[in-house]
């Protein structure tokens, strides 16, 4: 079985019906409220293009008109986004220590490199956007790839609480981007 599929099955078996209370309790014992440098770095890496966009928007800027038609969904998406960022930065799984090589498996490496790949594609899409190469794929990708980055990052960190909020954020972010811009 593919390593990423196994991670998703582990995630679903822990949180999906039928609810296994003992597994959830076991997982929650491993979560600590602690500052994550990796979480902060990941958040800042995703925000770099957005900060550049705020300071120096391109001449042809369809994202400037990204006003939500459904305001309530925009509020819900923002709540999921803020909770996701808080979870990534402030919650740590004590079993995941990126400095300890014995914790790394092929599955962990695949998930990590997939996250990095999503981040690189996100940067390439921003370069295309600033180069006035604007298409439906570019607009969709600017919502999809950072969402996937956060999902994969939280899976790599074994921070399944953040994964839940990353999935919810992705659902709303991609849906609203498609409704508003495509």
N, C-alpha and C. Protein backbone atom coordinates (compact mmCIF):
# COMPACT_ATOMS: atom_id res chain seq x y z
N UNK A 1 0.84 -1.18 0.00
CA UNK A 1 0.00 0.00 0.00
C UNK A 1 0.89 1.24 0.00
N UNK A 2 0.47 2.25 -0.71
CA UNK A 2 1.23 3.49 -0.81
C UNK A 2 1.32 4.16 0.56
N UNK A 3 2.53 4.72 0.92
CA UNK A 3 2.71 5.31 2.25
C UNK A 3 1.72 6.42 2.59
N UNK A 4 1.37 7.24 1.63
CA UNK A 4 0.43 8.33 1.91
C UNK A 4 -0.95 7.76 2.19
N UNK A 5 -1.35 6.73 1.41
CA UNK A 5 -2.65 6.10 1.66
C UNK A 5 -2.69 5.50 3.06
N UNK A 6 -1.60 4.91 3.52
CA UNK A 6 -1.56 4.32 4.85
C UNK A 6 -1.72 5.41 5.91
N UNK A 7 -1.10 6.58 5.71
CA UNK A 7 -1.24 7.69 6.64
C UNK A 7 -2.68 8.15 6.70
N UNK A 8 -3.33 8.25 5.53
CA UNK A 8 -4.72 8.68 5.52
C UNK A 8 -5.63 7.65 6.17
N UNK A 9 -5.33 6.36 5.97
CA UNK A 9 -6.13 5.32 6.63
C UNK A 9 -5.93 5.39 8.13
N UNK A 10 -4.68 5.59 8.60
CA UNK A 10 -4.44 5.74 10.03
C UNK A 10 -5.21 6.93 10.58
N UNK A 11 -5.19 8.03 9.83
CA UNK A 11 -5.90 9.23 10.26
C UNK A 11 -7.40 8.95 10.35
N UNK A 12 -7.97 8.36 9.30
CA UNK A 12 -9.41 8.11 9.28
C UNK A 12 -9.81 7.09 10.33
N UNK A 13 -8.99 6.07 10.55
CA UNK A 13 -9.36 5.07 11.54
C UNK A 13 -9.34 5.63 12.94
N UNK A 14 -8.58 6.71 13.15
CA UNK A 14 -8.52 7.32 14.47
C UNK A 14 -9.70 8.25 14.71
N UNK A 15 -10.16 8.94 13.68
CA UNK A 15 -11.15 9.99 13.87
C UNK A 15 -12.52 9.72 13.25
N UNK A 16 -12.62 8.76 12.34
CA UNK A 16 -13.88 8.55 11.64
C UNK A 16 -14.69 7.44 12.29
N UNK A 17 -15.95 7.35 11.89
CA UNK A 17 -16.88 6.37 12.43
C UNK A 17 -16.43 4.98 12.05
N UNK A 18 -16.48 3.93 12.86
CA UNK A 18 -16.86 4.04 14.27
C UNK A 18 -15.74 4.68 15.09
N UNK A 19 -16.11 5.54 15.98
CA UNK A 19 -15.14 6.28 16.77
C UNK A 19 -14.47 5.34 17.77
N UNK A 20 -13.16 5.33 17.71
CA UNK A 20 -12.38 4.52 18.62
C UNK A 20 -11.87 5.46 19.72
N UNK A 21 -12.59 5.52 20.82
CA UNK A 21 -12.29 6.46 21.90
C UNK A 21 -10.89 6.23 22.46
N UNK A 22 -10.49 4.99 22.59
CA UNK A 22 -9.17 4.70 23.16
C UNK A 22 -8.05 5.23 22.27
N UNK A 23 -8.21 5.10 20.96
CA UNK A 23 -7.18 5.62 20.04
C UNK A 23 -7.13 7.14 20.08
N UNK A 24 -8.29 7.77 20.20
CA UNK A 24 -8.33 9.23 20.27
C UNK A 24 -7.67 9.70 21.56
N UNK A 25 -7.98 9.04 22.68
CA UNK A 25 -7.36 9.41 23.96
C UNK A 25 -5.85 9.20 23.89
N UNK A 26 -5.44 8.10 23.29
CA UNK A 26 -4.01 7.81 23.15
C UNK A 26 -3.32 8.89 22.31
N UNK A 27 -3.98 9.31 21.23
CA UNK A 27 -3.41 10.36 20.39
C UNK A 27 -3.34 11.68 21.15
N UNK A 28 -4.40 12.05 21.84
CA UNK A 28 -4.44 13.34 22.54
C UNK A 28 -3.40 13.42 23.65
N UNK A 29 -3.00 12.28 24.22
CA UNK A 29 -1.94 12.28 25.23
C UNK A 29 -0.59 12.65 24.62
N UNK A 30 -0.45 12.49 23.32
CA UNK A 30 0.81 12.79 22.64
C UNK A 30 0.90 14.24 22.17
N UNK A 31 -0.20 14.98 22.26
CA UNK A 31 -0.23 16.37 21.79
C UNK A 31 0.12 17.30 22.94
N UNK A 32 1.00 18.24 22.64
CA UNK A 32 1.41 19.23 23.65
C UNK A 32 1.19 20.64 23.09
N UNK A 33 0.79 21.53 23.97
CA UNK A 33 0.68 22.94 23.62
C UNK A 33 2.08 23.51 23.72
N UNK A 34 2.71 23.72 22.56
CA UNK A 34 4.10 24.14 22.51
C UNK A 34 4.35 24.86 21.19
N UNK A 35 5.25 25.83 21.21
CA UNK A 35 5.57 26.59 20.01
C UNK A 35 6.34 25.73 19.02
N UNK A 36 5.90 25.75 17.76
CA UNK A 36 6.55 24.98 16.70
C UNK A 36 7.24 25.93 15.72
N UNK A 37 8.55 25.89 15.70
CA UNK A 37 9.32 26.70 14.75
C UNK A 37 9.00 26.28 13.32
N UNK A 38 8.87 24.97 13.11
CA UNK A 38 8.54 24.47 11.77
C UNK A 38 7.17 24.97 11.34
N UNK A 39 6.21 24.96 12.26
CA UNK A 39 4.88 25.46 11.94
C UNK A 39 4.89 26.93 11.57
N UNK A 40 5.63 27.74 12.33
CA UNK A 40 5.73 29.17 12.01
C UNK A 40 6.44 29.38 10.68
N UNK A 41 7.52 28.64 10.44
CA UNK A 41 8.25 28.77 9.18
C UNK A 41 7.35 28.38 8.00
N UNK A 42 6.58 27.32 8.15
CA UNK A 42 5.68 26.88 7.08
C UNK A 42 4.63 27.95 6.78
N UNK A 43 4.06 28.51 7.83
CA UNK A 43 3.06 29.57 7.65
C UNK A 43 3.68 30.77 6.92
N UNK A 44 4.88 31.18 7.34
CA UNK A 44 5.53 32.33 6.71
C UNK A 44 5.90 32.04 5.26
N UNK A 45 6.32 30.81 4.97
CA UNK A 45 6.66 30.44 3.59
C UNK A 45 5.45 30.57 2.66
N UNK A 46 4.29 30.18 3.15
CA UNK A 46 3.07 30.31 2.34
C UNK A 46 2.67 31.77 2.22
N UNK A 47 2.93 32.57 3.24
CA UNK A 47 2.50 33.97 3.24
C UNK A 47 3.40 34.90 2.44
N UNK A 48 4.62 34.51 2.12
CA UNK A 48 5.55 35.39 1.39
C UNK A 48 4.93 35.94 0.09
N UNK A 49 4.38 35.09 -0.78
CA UNK A 49 3.78 35.65 -2.01
C UNK A 49 2.59 36.56 -1.72
N UNK A 50 1.82 36.24 -0.67
CA UNK A 50 0.67 37.07 -0.33
C UNK A 50 1.10 38.45 0.17
N UNK A 51 2.18 38.50 0.92
CA UNK A 51 2.71 39.78 1.41
C UNK A 51 3.22 40.60 0.23
N UNK A 52 3.92 39.96 -0.70
CA UNK A 52 4.40 40.66 -1.90
C UNK A 52 3.20 41.19 -2.68
N UNK A 53 2.15 40.38 -2.81
CA UNK A 53 0.94 40.79 -3.53
C UNK A 53 0.29 42.02 -2.88
N UNK A 54 0.28 42.05 -1.54
CA UNK A 54 -0.30 43.20 -0.85
C UNK A 54 0.53 44.47 -1.06
N UNK A 55 1.85 44.32 -1.05
CA UNK A 55 2.73 45.48 -1.17
C UNK A 55 2.89 45.96 -2.61
N UNK A 56 2.90 45.02 -3.55
CA UNK A 56 3.11 45.38 -4.96
C UNK A 56 2.26 44.49 -5.86
N UNK A 57 0.96 44.79 -5.95
CA UNK A 57 0.10 43.95 -6.80
C UNK A 57 0.47 44.10 -8.28
N UNK A 58 0.24 43.05 -9.06
CA UNK A 58 0.53 43.15 -10.49
C UNK A 58 -0.46 44.09 -11.18
N UNK A 59 -0.13 44.50 -12.39
CA UNK A 59 -0.98 45.43 -13.13
C UNK A 59 -2.33 44.79 -13.44
N UNK A 60 -2.32 43.59 -13.98
CA UNK A 60 -3.55 42.85 -14.25
C UNK A 60 -3.79 41.93 -13.04
N UNK A 61 -4.75 42.27 -12.19
CA UNK A 61 -4.90 41.60 -10.89
C UNK A 61 -6.33 41.13 -10.64
N UNK A 62 -6.71 39.95 -11.17
CA UNK A 62 -8.06 39.44 -10.92
C UNK A 62 -8.33 39.15 -9.43
N UNK A 63 -7.28 38.86 -8.66
CA UNK A 63 -7.48 38.57 -7.24
C UNK A 63 -7.93 39.80 -6.46
N UNK A 64 -7.72 40.98 -7.02
CA UNK A 64 -8.14 42.20 -6.36
C UNK A 64 -9.66 42.23 -6.19
N UNK A 65 -10.37 41.60 -7.10
CA UNK A 65 -11.83 41.57 -7.06
C UNK A 65 -12.37 40.34 -6.34
N UNK A 66 -11.56 39.73 -5.51
CA UNK A 66 -11.96 38.51 -4.82
C UNK A 66 -12.84 38.86 -3.61
N UNK A 67 -14.01 39.37 -3.90
CA UNK A 67 -14.99 39.67 -2.86
C UNK A 67 -15.97 38.50 -2.82
N UNK A 68 -16.16 37.96 -1.64
CA UNK A 68 -17.00 36.78 -1.51
C UNK A 68 -18.46 37.11 -1.77
N UNK A 69 -19.08 36.28 -2.57
CA UNK A 69 -20.51 36.41 -2.84
C UNK A 69 -21.30 35.90 -1.64
N UNK A 70 -20.79 34.87 -1.01
CA UNK A 70 -21.46 34.27 0.14
C UNK A 70 -20.63 34.61 1.38
N UNK A 71 -20.99 35.70 2.04
CA UNK A 71 -20.21 36.25 3.14
C UNK A 71 -20.08 35.26 4.31
N UNK A 72 -21.12 34.52 4.61
CA UNK A 72 -21.09 33.57 5.74
C UNK A 72 -20.03 32.49 5.51
N UNK A 73 -19.91 32.00 4.27
CA UNK A 73 -18.90 30.98 3.98
C UNK A 73 -17.49 31.55 4.11
N UNK A 74 -17.34 32.82 3.76
CA UNK A 74 -16.05 33.49 3.91
C UNK A 74 -15.65 33.58 5.38
N UNK A 75 -16.60 33.88 6.24
CA UNK A 75 -16.34 33.94 7.68
C UNK A 75 -15.95 32.56 8.20
N UNK A 76 -16.67 31.54 7.78
CA UNK A 76 -16.38 30.16 8.22
C UNK A 76 -14.98 29.75 7.74
N UNK A 77 -14.65 30.07 6.49
CA UNK A 77 -13.33 29.75 5.96
C UNK A 77 -12.24 30.46 6.78
N UNK A 78 -12.46 31.71 7.11
CA UNK A 78 -11.48 32.47 7.89
C UNK A 78 -11.28 31.86 9.27
N UNK A 79 -12.36 31.41 9.89
CA UNK A 79 -12.25 30.76 11.21
C UNK A 79 -11.41 29.50 11.10
N UNK A 80 -11.70 28.66 10.09
CA UNK A 80 -10.90 27.44 9.90
C UNK A 80 -9.44 27.78 9.62
N UNK A 81 -9.20 28.85 8.86
CA UNK A 81 -7.83 29.25 8.56
C UNK A 81 -7.09 29.66 9.83
N UNK A 82 -7.70 30.47 10.67
CA UNK A 82 -7.04 30.93 11.90
C UNK A 82 -6.81 29.77 12.87
N UNK A 83 -7.77 28.87 12.98
CA UNK A 83 -7.58 27.72 13.87
C UNK A 83 -6.50 26.80 13.32
N UNK A 84 -6.47 26.61 11.99
CA UNK A 84 -5.41 25.81 11.36
C UNK A 84 -4.03 26.38 11.66
N UNK A 85 -3.86 27.68 11.47
CA UNK A 85 -2.57 28.31 11.71
C UNK A 85 -2.19 28.18 13.19
N UNK A 86 -3.15 28.37 14.08
CA UNK A 86 -2.88 28.22 15.51
C UNK A 86 -2.45 26.79 15.83
N UNK A 87 -3.14 25.81 15.25
CA UNK A 87 -2.79 24.40 15.50
C UNK A 87 -1.40 24.07 14.98
N UNK A 88 -1.06 24.56 13.79
CA UNK A 88 0.25 24.26 13.21
C UNK A 88 1.37 24.90 14.02
N UNK A 89 1.13 26.09 14.54
CA UNK A 89 2.18 26.81 15.27
C UNK A 89 2.23 26.43 16.74
N UNK A 90 1.09 26.09 17.35
CA UNK A 90 1.04 25.93 18.81
C UNK A 90 0.84 24.50 19.31
N UNK A 91 0.55 23.55 18.43
CA UNK A 91 0.38 22.15 18.87
C UNK A 91 1.48 21.28 18.29
N UNK A 92 2.06 20.44 19.13
CA UNK A 92 3.11 19.53 18.67
C UNK A 92 2.82 18.12 19.16
N UNK A 93 3.11 17.17 18.31
CA UNK A 93 3.02 15.76 18.67
C UNK A 93 4.38 15.36 19.22
N UNK A 94 4.42 14.86 20.47
CA UNK A 94 5.71 14.54 21.09
C UNK A 94 6.41 13.38 20.39
N UNK A 95 5.67 12.60 19.60
CA UNK A 95 6.29 11.50 18.84
C UNK A 95 6.99 11.99 17.59
N UNK A 96 6.71 13.22 17.16
CA UNK A 96 7.32 13.74 15.94
C UNK A 96 8.43 14.71 16.31
N UNK A 97 9.66 14.23 16.18
CA UNK A 97 10.82 15.07 16.41
C UNK A 97 11.64 15.06 15.13
N UNK A 98 11.63 16.17 14.41
CA UNK A 98 12.28 16.20 13.11
C UNK A 98 13.79 16.07 13.20
N UNK A 99 14.36 16.24 14.38
CA UNK A 99 15.81 16.10 14.54
C UNK A 99 16.23 14.64 14.76
N UNK A 100 15.28 13.80 15.16
CA UNK A 100 15.57 12.41 15.47
C UNK A 100 15.37 11.54 14.23
N UNK A 101 16.47 11.06 13.67
CA UNK A 101 16.40 10.31 12.41
C UNK A 101 15.67 8.98 12.53
N UNK A 102 15.59 8.40 13.72
CA UNK A 102 14.91 7.10 13.82
C UNK A 102 13.40 7.23 13.63
N UNK A 103 12.85 8.45 13.73
CA UNK A 103 11.42 8.66 13.51
C UNK A 103 11.08 8.74 12.03
N UNK A 104 12.10 8.90 11.17
CA UNK A 104 11.82 9.07 9.76
C UNK A 104 11.72 7.73 9.06
N UNK A 105 10.65 7.61 8.32
CA UNK A 105 10.40 6.42 7.52
C UNK A 105 10.24 6.87 6.07
N UNK A 106 10.10 5.91 5.19
CA UNK A 106 9.84 6.25 3.79
C UNK A 106 8.53 7.00 3.68
N UNK A 107 7.54 6.60 4.47
CA UNK A 107 6.23 7.27 4.46
C UNK A 107 6.38 8.74 4.86
N UNK A 108 7.14 8.99 5.90
CA UNK A 108 7.35 10.35 6.37
C UNK A 108 8.07 11.19 5.32
N UNK A 109 9.06 10.61 4.67
CA UNK A 109 9.81 11.33 3.65
C UNK A 109 8.92 11.66 2.45
N UNK A 110 8.08 10.71 2.03
CA UNK A 110 7.19 10.95 0.89
C UNK A 110 6.23 12.10 1.20
N UNK A 111 5.64 12.09 2.38
CA UNK A 111 4.70 13.15 2.76
C UNK A 111 5.42 14.50 2.82
N UNK A 112 6.60 14.53 3.41
CA UNK A 112 7.37 15.77 3.51
C UNK A 112 7.71 16.33 2.13
N UNK A 113 8.22 15.48 1.24
CA UNK A 113 8.60 15.95 -0.09
C UNK A 113 7.39 16.33 -0.94
N UNK A 114 6.26 15.68 -0.73
CA UNK A 114 5.04 16.09 -1.42
C UNK A 114 4.62 17.49 -0.96
N UNK A 115 4.76 17.77 0.34
CA UNK A 115 4.43 19.10 0.86
C UNK A 115 5.35 20.15 0.23
N UNK A 116 6.64 19.87 0.17
CA UNK A 116 7.60 20.80 -0.44
C UNK A 116 7.27 21.00 -1.92
N UNK A 117 6.90 19.93 -2.60
CA UNK A 117 6.52 20.01 -4.01
C UNK A 117 5.32 20.94 -4.19
N UNK A 118 4.31 20.81 -3.33
CA UNK A 118 3.13 21.69 -3.40
C UNK A 118 3.53 23.15 -3.18
N UNK A 119 4.43 23.38 -2.26
CA UNK A 119 4.89 24.75 -2.00
C UNK A 119 5.63 25.31 -3.22
N UNK A 120 6.46 24.49 -3.85
CA UNK A 120 7.20 24.95 -5.04
C UNK A 120 6.24 25.26 -6.19
N UNK A 121 5.24 24.41 -6.39
CA UNK A 121 4.25 24.68 -7.44
C UNK A 121 3.51 25.98 -7.13
N UNK A 122 3.20 26.20 -5.87
CA UNK A 122 2.53 27.44 -5.44
C UNK A 122 3.37 28.66 -5.82
N UNK A 123 4.67 28.60 -5.58
CA UNK A 123 5.55 29.70 -5.96
C UNK A 123 5.59 29.90 -7.48
N UNK A 124 5.65 28.80 -8.22
CA UNK A 124 5.66 28.88 -9.68
C UNK A 124 4.36 29.53 -10.18
N UNK A 125 3.24 29.18 -9.57
CA UNK A 125 1.96 29.77 -9.97
C UNK A 125 1.94 31.28 -9.70
N UNK A 126 2.52 31.70 -8.59
CA UNK A 126 2.60 33.14 -8.31
C UNK A 126 3.49 33.84 -9.34
N UNK A 127 4.57 33.21 -9.74
CA UNK A 127 5.44 33.78 -10.77
C UNK A 127 4.66 33.92 -12.08
N UNK A 128 3.89 32.90 -12.42
CA UNK A 128 3.05 32.97 -13.63
C UNK A 128 2.03 34.09 -13.50
N UNK A 129 1.43 34.22 -12.33
CA UNK A 129 0.42 35.25 -12.10
C UNK A 129 1.03 36.64 -12.28
N UNK A 130 2.21 36.85 -11.74
CA UNK A 130 2.87 38.14 -11.89
C UNK A 130 3.39 38.36 -13.30
N UNK A 131 3.59 37.29 -14.05
CA UNK A 131 4.03 37.40 -15.45
C UNK A 131 2.85 37.58 -16.39
N UNK A 132 1.67 37.78 -15.83
CA UNK A 132 0.42 37.99 -16.57
C UNK A 132 -0.01 36.74 -17.33
N UNK A 133 0.40 35.59 -16.84
CA UNK A 133 -0.08 34.31 -17.38
C UNK A 133 -1.19 33.87 -16.43
N UNK A 134 -2.41 34.25 -16.77
CA UNK A 134 -3.53 34.02 -15.86
C UNK A 134 -4.54 33.11 -16.55
N UNK A 135 -4.84 32.00 -15.89
CA UNK A 135 -5.82 31.05 -16.41
C UNK A 135 -6.61 30.49 -15.24
N UNK A 136 -7.59 29.69 -15.56
CA UNK A 136 -8.38 29.04 -14.51
C UNK A 136 -7.50 28.13 -13.66
N UNK A 137 -6.55 27.44 -14.32
CA UNK A 137 -5.64 26.57 -13.57
C UNK A 137 -4.80 27.36 -12.58
N UNK A 138 -4.32 28.53 -12.98
CA UNK A 138 -3.49 29.36 -12.09
C UNK A 138 -4.32 29.79 -10.89
N UNK A 139 -5.52 30.29 -11.14
CA UNK A 139 -6.39 30.75 -10.05
C UNK A 139 -6.75 29.59 -9.12
N UNK A 140 -7.12 28.46 -9.70
CA UNK A 140 -7.44 27.27 -8.90
C UNK A 140 -6.22 26.82 -8.11
N UNK A 141 -5.07 26.80 -8.76
CA UNK A 141 -3.84 26.34 -8.10
C UNK A 141 -3.41 27.22 -6.94
N UNK A 142 -3.68 28.53 -7.04
CA UNK A 142 -3.33 29.44 -5.93
C UNK A 142 -4.17 29.15 -4.68
N UNK A 143 -5.28 28.47 -4.83
CA UNK A 143 -6.08 28.05 -3.68
C UNK A 143 -5.75 26.60 -3.30
N UNK A 144 -5.55 25.75 -4.30
CA UNK A 144 -5.37 24.31 -4.05
C UNK A 144 -4.02 23.97 -3.42
N UNK A 145 -2.93 24.48 -3.98
CA UNK A 145 -1.61 24.04 -3.55
C UNK A 145 -1.21 24.48 -2.13
N UNK A 146 -1.53 25.70 -1.69
CA UNK A 146 -1.23 25.99 -0.29
C UNK A 146 -2.08 25.16 0.67
N UNK A 147 -3.32 24.86 0.25
CA UNK A 147 -4.17 24.01 1.08
C UNK A 147 -3.57 22.61 1.21
N UNK A 148 -3.12 22.06 0.08
CA UNK A 148 -2.48 20.74 0.11
C UNK A 148 -1.19 20.78 0.92
N UNK A 149 -0.45 21.87 0.83
CA UNK A 149 0.77 22.01 1.62
C UNK A 149 0.47 21.89 3.11
N UNK A 150 -0.56 22.59 3.57
CA UNK A 150 -0.91 22.53 4.99
C UNK A 150 -1.44 21.15 5.40
N UNK A 151 -2.20 20.50 4.53
CA UNK A 151 -2.68 19.15 4.84
C UNK A 151 -1.49 18.19 4.97
N UNK A 152 -0.59 18.22 4.01
CA UNK A 152 0.57 17.32 4.03
C UNK A 152 1.52 17.65 5.18
N UNK A 153 1.72 18.93 5.45
CA UNK A 153 2.58 19.33 6.57
C UNK A 153 2.03 18.81 7.89
N UNK A 154 0.72 18.96 8.09
CA UNK A 154 0.14 18.49 9.35
C UNK A 154 0.18 16.96 9.45
N UNK A 155 0.03 16.26 8.32
CA UNK A 155 0.18 14.80 8.35
C UNK A 155 1.62 14.42 8.68
N UNK A 156 2.58 15.13 8.08
CA UNK A 156 3.99 14.85 8.35
C UNK A 156 4.32 15.08 9.82
N UNK A 157 3.75 16.12 10.41
CA UNK A 157 3.99 16.41 11.83
C UNK A 157 3.17 15.54 12.76
N UNK A 158 2.33 14.68 12.20
CA UNK A 158 1.40 13.85 12.99
C UNK A 158 0.52 14.73 13.88
N UNK A 159 0.15 15.87 13.35
CA UNK A 159 -0.71 16.81 14.04
C UNK A 159 -2.09 16.71 13.40
N UNK A 160 -2.83 15.65 13.78
CA UNK A 160 -4.09 15.35 13.12
C UNK A 160 -5.19 16.35 13.46
N UNK A 161 -5.05 17.06 14.56
CA UNK A 161 -6.00 18.13 14.86
C UNK A 161 -5.86 19.21 13.79
N UNK A 162 -4.63 19.58 13.47
CA UNK A 162 -4.40 20.55 12.40
C UNK A 162 -4.86 19.99 11.06
N UNK A 163 -4.71 18.68 10.84
CA UNK A 163 -5.14 18.08 9.58
C UNK A 163 -6.64 18.26 9.37
N UNK A 164 -7.42 18.07 10.44
CA UNK A 164 -8.87 18.25 10.33
C UNK A 164 -9.18 19.68 9.88
N UNK A 165 -8.54 20.66 10.52
CA UNK A 165 -8.81 22.05 10.16
C UNK A 165 -8.22 22.40 8.80
N UNK A 166 -7.12 21.75 8.41
CA UNK A 166 -6.56 21.97 7.08
C UNK A 166 -7.51 21.46 6.00
N UNK A 167 -8.12 20.31 6.25
CA UNK A 167 -9.09 19.77 5.29
C UNK A 167 -10.31 20.68 5.18
N UNK A 168 -10.82 21.14 6.32
CA UNK A 168 -11.98 22.04 6.30
C UNK A 168 -11.63 23.37 5.62
N UNK A 169 -10.46 23.92 5.95
CA UNK A 169 -10.02 25.15 5.30
C UNK A 169 -9.89 24.94 3.79
N UNK A 170 -9.28 23.84 3.38
CA UNK A 170 -9.11 23.56 1.95
C UNK A 170 -10.45 23.49 1.24
N UNK A 171 -11.40 22.80 1.83
CA UNK A 171 -12.73 22.67 1.24
C UNK A 171 -13.35 24.05 0.99
N UNK A 172 -13.34 24.90 2.00
CA UNK A 172 -13.95 26.22 1.87
C UNK A 172 -13.11 27.15 0.99
N UNK A 173 -11.80 27.12 1.13
CA UNK A 173 -10.93 28.02 0.37
C UNK A 173 -11.02 27.73 -1.13
N UNK A 174 -10.95 26.47 -1.50
CA UNK A 174 -11.01 26.11 -2.90
C UNK A 174 -12.40 26.39 -3.47
N UNK A 175 -13.44 26.04 -2.72
CA UNK A 175 -14.81 26.28 -3.16
C UNK A 175 -15.07 27.77 -3.36
N UNK A 176 -14.71 28.58 -2.38
CA UNK A 176 -14.95 30.01 -2.50
C UNK A 176 -14.12 30.65 -3.60
N UNK A 177 -12.90 30.19 -3.80
CA UNK A 177 -12.07 30.72 -4.89
C UNK A 177 -12.70 30.41 -6.24
N UNK A 178 -13.20 29.20 -6.37
CA UNK A 178 -13.85 28.82 -7.64
C UNK A 178 -15.14 29.62 -7.86
N UNK A 179 -15.94 29.79 -6.81
CA UNK A 179 -17.19 30.56 -6.94
C UNK A 179 -16.90 32.01 -7.27
N UNK A 180 -15.93 32.60 -6.61
CA UNK A 180 -15.67 34.04 -6.75
C UNK A 180 -14.89 34.40 -8.00
N UNK A 181 -13.99 33.53 -8.44
CA UNK A 181 -13.05 33.93 -9.48
C UNK A 181 -13.17 33.16 -10.79
N UNK A 182 -13.79 32.02 -10.77
CA UNK A 182 -13.85 31.24 -12.02
C UNK A 182 -15.21 31.31 -12.67
